[in-house]
Amino acid sequence: MEKFRVETVVDKKTGLIFAELYHPDDAIVPMAATQPIYPTHEEATSDIVDMMKKSFPDQPIKTNP
């Protein structure tokens, strides 16, 4: 099973949050990142999970707290 890792980071210029997607999950450099548009880490994480669910509707999406 393929694994991805998502990390949320505070943008120092805006104070907003962006998300970084890592694949494989132990990669050092992210393969993709969002713009800093989220007010909280929780909203960024929730949006990424929603995007994954929409992109892969027939696959179970597991999250680790």
Protein backbone atom coordinates (compact mmCIF):
# COMPACT_ATOMS: atom_id res chain seq x y z
CA MET A 1 0.00 0.00 0.00
CA GLU A 2 1.30 3.43 -0.93
CA LYS A 3 1.62 5.95 1.87
CA PHE A 4 1.68 9.72 1.78
CA ARG A 5 2.55 12.14 4.53
CA VAL A 6 0.96 15.56 4.90
CA GLU A 7 2.53 18.25 7.05
CA THR A 8 1.05 21.64 7.78
CA VAL A 9 3.39 24.60 8.09
CA VAL A 10 3.01 28.26 9.09
CA ASP A 11 4.03 30.68 6.33
CA LYS A 12 6.28 33.25 8.01
CA LYS A 13 5.26 36.06 5.62
CA THR A 14 1.48 35.76 5.97
CA GLY A 15 0.98 33.83 9.20
CA LEU A 16 -1.35 31.48 7.29
CA ILE A 17 -0.97 27.73 7.00
CA PHE A 18 0.02 25.68 3.95
CA ALA A 19 0.20 21.93 3.48
CA GLU A 20 3.05 19.87 2.09
CA LEU A 21 2.53 16.41 0.57
CA TYR A 22 5.35 13.87 0.83
CA HIS A 23 5.66 10.65 -1.16
CA PRO A 24 6.92 8.23 -0.20
CA ASP A 25 5.93 9.02 3.35
CA ASP A 26 9.58 9.12 4.48
CA ALA A 27 10.66 11.58 1.76
CA ILE A 28 12.67 14.60 2.85
CA VAL A 29 11.44 16.98 0.14
CA PRO A 30 7.71 17.51 -0.49
CA MET A 31 6.34 16.51 -3.89
CA ALA A 32 3.63 19.20 -3.74
CA ALA A 33 2.49 22.08 -1.56
CA THR A 34 -0.60 24.26 -1.30
CA GLN A 35 -0.61 28.01 -1.14
CA PRO A 36 -0.72 29.52 2.38
CA ILE A 37 -4.50 29.97 2.52
CA TYR A 38 -5.60 28.21 5.68
CA PRO A 39 -6.21 29.97 8.99
CA THR A 40 -5.52 26.82 11.08
CA HIS A 41 -3.61 23.55 10.85
CA GLU A 42 -6.88 21.68 11.38
CA GLU A 43 -8.55 23.35 8.40
CA ALA A 44 -5.57 22.62 6.17
CA THR A 45 -5.57 18.97 7.19
CA SER A 46 -9.32 18.64 6.76
CA ASP A 47 -9.18 20.17 3.28
CA ILE A 48 -6.37 17.83 2.19
CA VAL A 49 -8.29 14.78 3.46
CA ASP A 50 -11.40 15.98 1.59
CA MET A 51 -9.36 16.43 -1.62
CA MET A 52 -7.96 12.90 -1.29
CA LYS A 53 -11.42 11.45 -0.69
CA LYS A 54 -12.77 13.20 -3.80
CA SER A 55 -9.77 12.13 -5.89
CA PHE A 56 -9.96 8.48 -4.79
CA PRO A 57 -13.65 7.86 -3.98
CA ASP A 58 -13.38 4.07 -3.96
CA GLN A 59 -10.35 3.90 -1.67
CA PRO A 60 -10.36 4.09 2.12
CA ILE A 61 -8.56 7.16 3.45
CA LYS A 62 -6.85 6.58 6.78
CA THR A 63 -5.55 9.40 8.91
CA ASN A 64 -3.21 9.27 11.86
CA PRO A 65 -3.87 11.77 14.65
